[in-house]
N, C-alpha and C. Protein backbone atom coordinates (compact mmCIF):
# COMPACT_ATOMS: atom_id res chain seq x y z
N UNK A 1 213.53 47.87 51.58
CA UNK A 1 214.38 48.77 52.76
C UNK A 1 214.27 48.33 53.87
N UNK A 2 215.35 48.03 54.63
CA UNK A 2 215.60 47.92 56.06
C UNK A 2 215.87 49.07 56.89
N UNK A 3 215.63 49.07 58.05
CA UNK A 3 215.69 50.22 58.94
C UNK A 3 215.95 49.71 60.35
N UNK A 4 216.69 50.40 61.10
CA UNK A 4 217.01 50.00 62.55
C UNK A 4 215.83 50.50 63.45
N UNK A 5 215.04 51.53 63.16
CA UNK A 5 214.06 52.13 64.04
C UNK A 5 212.99 51.10 64.49
N UNK A 6 212.67 50.88 65.54
CA UNK A 6 211.82 49.98 66.04
C UNK A 6 210.29 50.53 65.89
N UNK A 7 210.08 51.99 66.10
CA UNK A 7 208.84 52.50 66.07
C UNK A 7 208.41 52.92 64.76
N UNK A 8 207.70 51.81 63.94
CA UNK A 8 207.33 52.02 62.65
C UNK A 8 205.61 51.96 62.74
N UNK A 9 205.01 52.75 62.02
CA UNK A 9 203.49 52.74 62.06
C UNK A 9 203.20 52.82 60.71
N UNK A 10 202.47 51.79 60.08
CA UNK A 10 202.12 51.60 58.71
C UNK A 10 200.80 52.19 58.43
N UNK A 11 200.61 52.69 57.50
CA UNK A 11 199.46 53.46 57.28
C UNK A 11 199.03 53.93 55.68
N UNK A 12 198.22 54.62 55.55
CA UNK A 12 197.84 54.98 54.24
C UNK A 12 197.93 56.33 54.14
N UNK A 13 198.48 57.08 53.16
CA UNK A 13 198.45 58.49 53.09
C UNK A 13 197.15 58.98 52.51
N UNK A 14 196.49 60.02 53.47
CA UNK A 14 195.40 60.51 53.26
C UNK A 14 195.18 61.84 52.83
N UNK A 15 196.31 62.57 52.98
CA UNK A 15 196.37 64.12 52.63
C UNK A 15 197.86 64.54 52.63
N UNK A 16 198.17 65.36 51.96
CA UNK A 16 199.57 66.10 51.63
C UNK A 16 199.14 67.65 51.42
N UNK A 17 199.82 68.40 52.40
CA UNK A 17 199.74 69.59 52.43
C UNK A 17 200.90 70.48 52.24
N UNK A 18 201.11 70.96 51.02
CA UNK A 18 202.51 71.62 50.84
C UNK A 18 202.32 73.03 51.20
N UNK A 19 203.51 73.42 51.89
CA UNK A 19 203.97 74.73 52.23
C UNK A 19 204.83 75.26 51.32
N UNK A 20 205.43 76.47 51.80
CA UNK A 20 206.68 77.05 51.10
C UNK A 20 207.85 76.26 50.93
N UNK A 21 208.36 75.45 52.23
CA UNK A 21 209.49 74.73 52.42
C UNK A 21 209.22 73.34 52.63
N UNK A 22 207.83 73.05 53.33
CA UNK A 22 207.78 71.60 53.90
C UNK A 22 206.50 71.19 53.52
N UNK A 23 206.16 69.89 53.49
CA UNK A 23 204.90 69.34 53.13
C UNK A 23 204.52 68.39 54.27
N UNK A 24 203.18 68.90 54.57
CA UNK A 24 202.77 67.81 55.78
C UNK A 24 201.97 66.82 55.37
N UNK A 25 202.63 65.55 55.63
CA UNK A 25 201.84 64.26 55.22
C UNK A 25 201.09 63.49 56.11
N UNK A 26 199.91 63.46 55.87
CA UNK A 26 198.92 62.65 56.96
C UNK A 26 198.61 61.22 56.58
N UNK A 27 198.92 60.55 57.39
CA UNK A 27 198.88 58.99 57.47
C UNK A 27 197.57 58.58 58.22
N UNK A 28 196.75 57.73 57.81
CA UNK A 28 195.82 56.98 58.64
C UNK A 28 196.42 55.75 59.06
N UNK A 29 196.60 55.80 60.50
CA UNK A 29 197.27 54.37 61.09
C UNK A 29 196.02 53.85 61.99
N UNK A 30 195.20 52.95 61.49
CA UNK A 30 194.39 52.08 62.22
C UNK A 30 193.24 53.26 62.67
N UNK A 31 192.84 54.26 61.87
CA UNK A 31 191.76 55.18 62.31
C UNK A 31 192.32 56.46 63.08
N UNK A 32 193.68 56.61 63.37
CA UNK A 32 194.28 57.49 63.84
C UNK A 32 195.25 58.26 62.81
N UNK A 33 195.06 59.57 62.91
CA UNK A 33 195.82 60.39 61.78
C UNK A 33 197.21 60.69 62.42
N UNK A 34 198.30 60.43 61.82
CA UNK A 34 199.61 60.80 62.28
C UNK A 34 200.20 61.87 61.07
N UNK A 35 200.82 62.87 61.53
CA UNK A 35 201.20 63.84 60.55
C UNK A 35 202.78 64.17 60.59
N UNK A 36 203.44 63.91 59.47
CA UNK A 36 204.76 64.31 59.56
C UNK A 36 205.28 65.40 58.56
N UNK A 37 206.07 66.30 59.09
CA UNK A 37 206.53 67.25 58.23
C UNK A 37 207.79 66.93 57.55
N UNK A 38 207.95 67.09 56.27
CA UNK A 38 209.03 66.51 55.39
C UNK A 38 209.29 67.84 54.32
N UNK A 39 210.49 67.88 54.00
CA UNK A 39 210.64 68.86 52.88
C UNK A 39 210.22 68.66 51.70
N UNK A 40 209.67 69.73 51.13
CA UNK A 40 209.14 69.51 49.79
C UNK A 40 210.10 68.73 48.78
N UNK A 41 211.40 68.87 49.01
CA UNK A 41 212.41 68.06 47.98
C UNK A 41 212.24 66.45 48.20
N UNK A 42 211.90 66.29 49.54
CA UNK A 42 211.49 64.83 49.75
C UNK A 42 210.34 64.40 49.14
N UNK A 43 209.33 65.12 49.31
CA UNK A 43 207.94 64.78 48.93
C UNK A 43 208.33 64.46 47.18
N UNK A 44 208.65 65.41 46.50
CA UNK A 44 209.10 65.32 45.02
C UNK A 44 209.85 64.07 44.84
N UNK A 45 211.14 63.77 45.63
CA UNK A 45 211.74 62.39 45.62
C UNK A 45 210.98 61.34 45.79
N UNK A 46 210.25 61.47 46.69
CA UNK A 46 209.49 60.10 47.14
C UNK A 46 208.12 59.77 46.11
N UNK A 47 207.77 60.92 45.49
CA UNK A 47 206.69 60.86 44.73
C UNK A 47 205.47 60.29 45.12
N UNK A 48 205.14 61.00 46.37
CA UNK A 48 204.00 60.32 47.34
C UNK A 48 202.63 60.67 46.90
N UNK A 49 201.87 59.59 46.41
CA UNK A 49 200.54 59.92 46.11
C UNK A 49 199.66 59.75 47.49
N UNK A 50 198.44 60.44 47.37
CA UNK A 50 197.46 60.02 48.56
C UNK A 50 196.84 58.68 48.16
N UNK A 51 196.56 57.78 49.07
CA UNK A 51 196.17 56.42 49.08
C UNK A 51 197.36 55.51 49.06
N UNK A 52 198.62 55.70 49.00
CA UNK A 52 199.59 54.86 48.92
C UNK A 52 200.07 54.75 50.48
N UNK A 53 200.42 53.17 50.74
CA UNK A 53 200.67 52.67 51.86
C UNK A 53 202.16 53.30 52.28
N UNK A 54 202.36 53.83 53.51
CA UNK A 54 203.75 54.25 53.83
C UNK A 54 203.95 53.99 55.29
N UNK A 55 204.99 54.28 55.88
CA UNK A 55 205.50 54.03 57.27
C UNK A 55 205.77 55.58 57.92
N UNK A 56 205.26 55.75 59.12
CA UNK A 56 205.86 56.68 59.75
C UNK A 56 206.89 56.16 60.64
N UNK A 57 208.07 56.61 60.62
CA UNK A 57 209.15 55.99 61.35
C UNK A 57 209.40 57.03 62.47
N UNK A 58 209.27 56.65 63.74
CA UNK A 58 209.68 57.60 64.76
C UNK A 58 210.85 57.17 65.51
N UNK A 59 211.88 58.39 65.44
CA UNK A 59 213.10 58.14 65.87
C UNK A 59 213.38 59.14 67.22
N UNK A 60 213.18 58.78 68.25
CA UNK A 60 213.50 59.71 69.36
C UNK A 60 214.13 59.10 70.65
N UNK A 61 215.06 59.99 71.20
CA UNK A 61 215.73 59.38 72.58
C UNK A 61 214.90 59.26 73.55
N UNK A 62 213.58 60.01 73.73
CA UNK A 62 212.93 60.01 75.19
C UNK A 62 211.36 60.23 74.40
N UNK A 63 210.64 59.46 75.26
CA UNK A 63 209.04 59.68 75.16
C UNK A 63 208.55 59.90 76.60
N UNK A 64 207.87 60.69 76.65
CA UNK A 64 207.19 61.00 77.97
C UNK A 64 205.56 60.62 77.70
N UNK A 65 205.08 60.42 79.09
CA UNK A 65 203.56 60.09 79.19
C UNK A 65 203.11 61.05 80.16
N UNK A 66 201.98 61.83 80.00
CA UNK A 66 201.50 62.79 80.87
C UNK A 66 199.95 62.46 81.08
N UNK A 67 199.64 62.86 82.36
CA UNK A 67 198.03 63.03 82.37
C UNK A 67 197.50 64.20 83.11
N UNK A 68 196.28 64.32 83.19
CA UNK A 68 195.86 65.44 83.88
C UNK A 68 195.67 65.24 85.30
């Protein structure tokens, strides 16, 4: 697969929590946990197992930084 998005975080799936319509997929990316909400249909289509390597692909027009 090739994709134009530059913000790709490679990690391992550590947990998948299925809800009524969405699945929350948690990736361990270098010790940090990143969570993505995908449709249950996408979860079934991708056949995601815990332990599989995957990418969190972030596509956004803006990203802000905040401090206290």
